[in-house]
C-alpha atoms as a PDB file:
ATOM      1  CA  MET A   1     -43.397 -10.467 -11.586  1.00  0.00           C
ATOM      2  CA  THR A   2     -42.790 -12.574  -8.416  1.00  0.00           C
ATOM      3  CA  GLY A   3     -43.350 -10.333  -5.637  1.00  0.00           C
ATOM      4  CA  LYS A   4     -40.120  -8.042  -6.322  1.00  0.00           C
ATOM      5  CA  SER A   5     -40.248  -4.175  -7.731  1.00  0.00           C
ATOM      6  CA  ALA A   6     -38.729  -3.107 -10.840  1.00  0.00           C
ATOM      7  CA  ASN A   7     -35.929  -1.524  -8.460  1.00  0.00           C
ATOM      8  CA  GLN A   8     -35.599  -4.834  -6.143  1.00  0.00           C
ATOM      9  CA  ARG A   9     -34.981  -6.897  -9.236  1.00  0.00           C
ATOM     10  CA  GLN A  10     -31.398  -8.370  -9.718  1.00  0.00           C
ATOM     11  CA  ARG A  11     -29.610  -6.870 -12.963  1.00  0.00           C
ATOM     12  CA  PRO A  12     -27.281  -8.562 -15.002  1.00  0.00           C
ATOM     13  CA  ARG A  13     -23.488  -8.164 -13.484  1.00  0.00           C
ATOM     14  CA  ARG A  14     -21.422  -6.042 -15.601  1.00  0.00           C
ATOM     15  CA  GLN A  15     -17.992  -8.123 -16.510  1.00  0.00           C
ATOM     16  CA  PHE A  16     -15.075  -5.586 -16.613  1.00  0.00           C
ATOM     17  CA  SER A  17     -11.807  -6.892 -18.479  1.00  0.00           C
ATOM     18  CA  LEU A  18      -8.904  -7.372 -16.588  1.00  0.00           C
ATOM     19  CA  ALA A  19      -7.028  -8.418 -19.759  1.00  0.00           C
ATOM     20  CA  LYS A  20      -5.176  -5.151 -20.639  1.00  0.00           C
ATOM     21  CA  ASN A  21      -3.772  -4.629 -16.472  1.00  0.00           C
ATOM     22  CA  LYS A  22      -2.451  -8.555 -16.862  1.00  0.00           C
ATOM     23  CA  ALA A  23      -1.278  -8.024 -20.274  1.00  0.00           C
ATOM     24  CA  GLN A  24       0.624  -4.685 -18.666  1.00  0.00           C
ATOM     25  CA  GLY A  25       1.104  -6.786 -15.852  1.00  0.00           C
ATOM     26  CA  ARG A  26       0.320  -3.323 -13.841  1.00  0.00           C
ATOM     27  CA  TYR A  27      -2.569  -2.786 -11.374  1.00  0.00           C
ATOM     28  CA  TRP A  28      -3.272   0.347  -9.852  1.00  0.00           C
ATOM     29  CA  SER A  29      -2.185  -0.051  -6.508  1.00  0.00           C
ATOM     30  CA  GLY A  30       1.477  -1.549  -7.858  1.00  0.00           C
ATOM     31  CA  ALA A  31       1.610   1.883  -9.614  1.00  0.00           C
ATOM     32  CA  VAL A  32       1.045   3.636  -6.699  1.00  0.00           C
ATOM     33  CA  THR A  33       4.171   2.146  -4.963  1.00  0.00           C
ATOM     34  CA  ARG A  34       6.189   2.494  -7.683  1.00  0.00           C
ATOM     35  CA  GLN A  35       4.998   6.103  -9.163  1.00  0.00           C
ATOM     36  CA  SER A  36       3.677   7.431  -6.026  1.00  0.00           C
ATOM     37  CA  ASN A  37       3.873  11.081  -5.669  1.00  0.00           C
ATOM     38  CA  ALA A  38       3.869  10.989  -2.038  1.00  0.00           C
ATOM     39  CA  LEU A  39       7.505   9.215  -1.650  1.00  0.00           C
ATOM     40  CA  ASP A  40      10.446   8.314  -3.186  1.00  0.00           C
ATOM     41  CA  LEU A  41      11.266   4.708  -2.448  1.00  0.00           C
ATOM     42  CA  GLU A  42      14.056   2.836  -2.428  1.00  0.00           C
ATOM     43  CA  PRO A  43      13.682  -0.301  -4.784  1.00  0.00           C
ATOM     44  CA  GLY A  44      12.851  -3.513  -3.114  1.00  0.00           C
ATOM     45  CA  VAL A  45      12.049  -1.585   0.711  1.00  0.00           C
ATOM     46  CA  PHE A  46       8.810  -3.648   1.308  1.00  0.00           C
ATOM     47  CA  THR A  47      10.888  -6.893   0.488  1.00  0.00           C
ATOM     48  CA  TRP A  48      13.737  -6.255   3.242  1.00  0.00           C
ATOM     49  CA  SER A  49      13.467  -8.739   6.362  1.00  0.00           C
ATOM     50  CA  ASP A  50      14.894  -5.786   8.643  1.00  0.00           C
ATOM     51  CA  PRO A  51      12.046  -3.653  10.126  1.00  0.00           C
ATOM     52  CA  ALA A  52      14.782  -1.301  11.155  1.00  0.00           C
ATOM     53  CA  LYS A  53      16.420  -0.726   7.950  1.00  0.00           C
ATOM     54  CA  ILE A  54      12.455  -0.551   6.382  1.00  0.00           C
ATOM     55  CA  ALA A  55      11.279   1.723   8.594  1.00  0.00           C
ATOM     56  CA  GLY A  56      15.033   3.842   8.471  1.00  0.00           C
ATOM     57  CA  SER A  57      14.681   3.820   4.508  1.00  0.00           C
ATOM     58  CA  LEU A  58      10.965   4.972   4.808  1.00  0.00           C
ATOM     59  CA  LYS A  59      11.759   7.744   7.204  1.00  0.00           C
ATOM     60  CA  HIS A  60      14.656   9.088   4.832  1.00  0.00           C
ATOM     61  CA  SER A  61      12.187   8.882   2.320  1.00  0.00           C
ATOM     62  CA  ALA A  62       9.586  10.729   3.624  1.00  0.00           C
ATOM     63  CA  GLU A  63      11.444  13.545   4.869  1.00  0.00           C
ATOM     64  CA  THR A  64      13.596  14.159   1.565  1.00  0.00           C
ATOM     65  CA  SER A  65      10.522  13.803  -0.803  1.00  0.00           C
ATOM     66  CA  ALA A  66       9.393  17.218  -1.747  1.00  0.00           C
ATOM     67  CA  ARG A  67       6.122  15.784  -3.349  1.00  0.00           C
ATOM     68  CA  ARG A  68       4.442  14.921   0.285  1.00  0.00           C
ATOM     69  CA  LYS A  69       1.336  16.406   1.331  1.00  0.00           C
ATOM     70  CA  GLY A  70       1.048  15.586   4.822  1.00  0.00           C
ATOM     71  CA  THR A  71       4.160  15.170   7.611  1.00  0.00           C
ATOM     72  CA  PRO A  72       6.912  12.849   7.061  1.00  0.00           C
ATOM     73  CA  TYR A  73       5.575  11.020   9.444  1.00  0.00           C
ATOM     74  CA  GLN A  74       2.172  10.460   7.720  1.00  0.00           C
ATOM     75  CA  SER A  75       3.497   9.934   4.562  1.00  0.00           C
ATOM     76  CA  ALA A  76       5.804   7.336   5.719  1.00  0.00           C
ATOM     77  CA  MET A  77       3.127   5.505   7.758  1.00  0.00           C
ATOM     78  CA  SER A  78       0.480   5.438   5.165  1.00  0.00           C
ATOM     79  CA  MET A  79       2.809   4.074   2.045  1.00  0.00           C
ATOM     80  CA  LEU A  80       3.638   1.235   4.715  1.00  0.00           C
ATOM     81  CA  SER A  81      -0.014   0.618   5.572  1.00  0.00           C
ATOM     82  CA  PHE A  82      -0.942   0.890   2.155  1.00  0.00           C
ATOM     83  CA  TYR A  83       1.412  -1.831   0.883  1.00  0.00           C
ATOM     84  CA  ILE A  84       0.555  -4.112   3.862  1.00  0.00           C
ATOM     85  CA  ASN A  85      -3.405  -3.534   2.948  1.00  0.00           C
ATOM     86  CA  ARG A  86      -2.855  -4.185  -0.684  1.00  0.00           C
ATOM     87  CA  ALA A  87      -0.782  -7.176  -0.674  1.00  0.00           C
ATOM     88  CA  GLY A  88      -3.235  -8.939   1.646  1.00  0.00           C
ATOM     89  CA  ARG A  89      -3.447 -12.416   1.531  1.00  0.00           C
ATOM     90  CA  ASN A  90      -0.654 -12.824  -0.937  1.00  0.00           C
ATOM     91  CA  LEU A  91       1.623 -10.838   1.744  1.00  0.00           C
ATOM     92  CA  PRO A  92       4.211 -14.136   3.552  1.00  0.00           C
ATOM     93  CA  GLU A  93       3.549 -13.929   7.231  1.00  0.00           C
ATOM     94  CA  GLN A  94       6.829 -13.933   7.960  1.00  0.00           C
ATOM     95  CA  GLN A  95       6.980 -10.418   5.533  1.00  0.00           C
ATOM     96  CA  ARG A  96       4.010  -9.418   7.006  1.00  0.00           C
ATOM     97  CA  GLN A  97       5.404  -9.795  10.708  1.00  0.00           C
ATOM     98  CA  ALA A  98       8.371  -7.498   9.499  1.00  0.00           C
ATOM     99  CA  LEU A  99       6.186  -4.894   8.182  1.00  0.00           C
ATOM    100  CA  GLU A 100       4.048  -4.787  10.955  1.00  0.00           C
ATOM    101  CA  LYS A 101       7.461  -4.348  13.598  1.00  0.00           C
ATOM    102  CA  SER A 102       8.271  -1.765  10.967  1.00  0.00           C
ATOM    103  CA  LYS A 103       5.322   0.392  12.020  1.00  0.00           C
ATOM    104  CA  ARG A 104       6.290   0.257  15.350  1.00  0.00           C
ATOM    105  CA  GLU A 105      10.173   1.397  14.463  1.00  0.00           C
ATOM    106  CA  LEU A 106       8.763   3.877  12.339  1.00  0.00           C
ATOM    107  CA  ARG A 107       6.686   5.297  15.454  1.00  0.00           C
ATOM    108  CA  LYS A 108       9.668   5.379  17.650  1.00  0.00           C
ATOM    109  CA  LEU A 109      11.731   6.917  14.953  1.00  0.00           C
ATOM    110  CA  PHE A 110       9.425   9.920  14.786  1.00  0.00           C
ATOM    111  CA  GLY A 111       9.303   9.937  18.364  1.00  0.00           C
ATOM    112  CA  HIS A 112       5.054   8.482  18.102  1.00  0.00           C
ATOM    113  CA  GLU A 113       5.328   5.827  20.534  1.00  0.00           C
END
């Protein structure tokens, strides 16, 4: 041994196969936005370019959902933040800006300015 204890030795990394997920074209984060227990979202809501329309749709979805666990505001904001965070670098800058503006619109709609 070269001075490292047994606990400090590097162990070989496990190789996890994503072949099943890639073949199906599904990742858990995509499934959340499609099949969330929190909200029933309008199709393509996160691809729209109008922040007010996005916020209005999320507000409507949150208020009419019987499956959400928190307040409508919490559910809507959490779904929007989740989508932005999971999209990461793959989200075009123009769409990211629209979604960030949607957060401000949601705060206004719910009176959380």
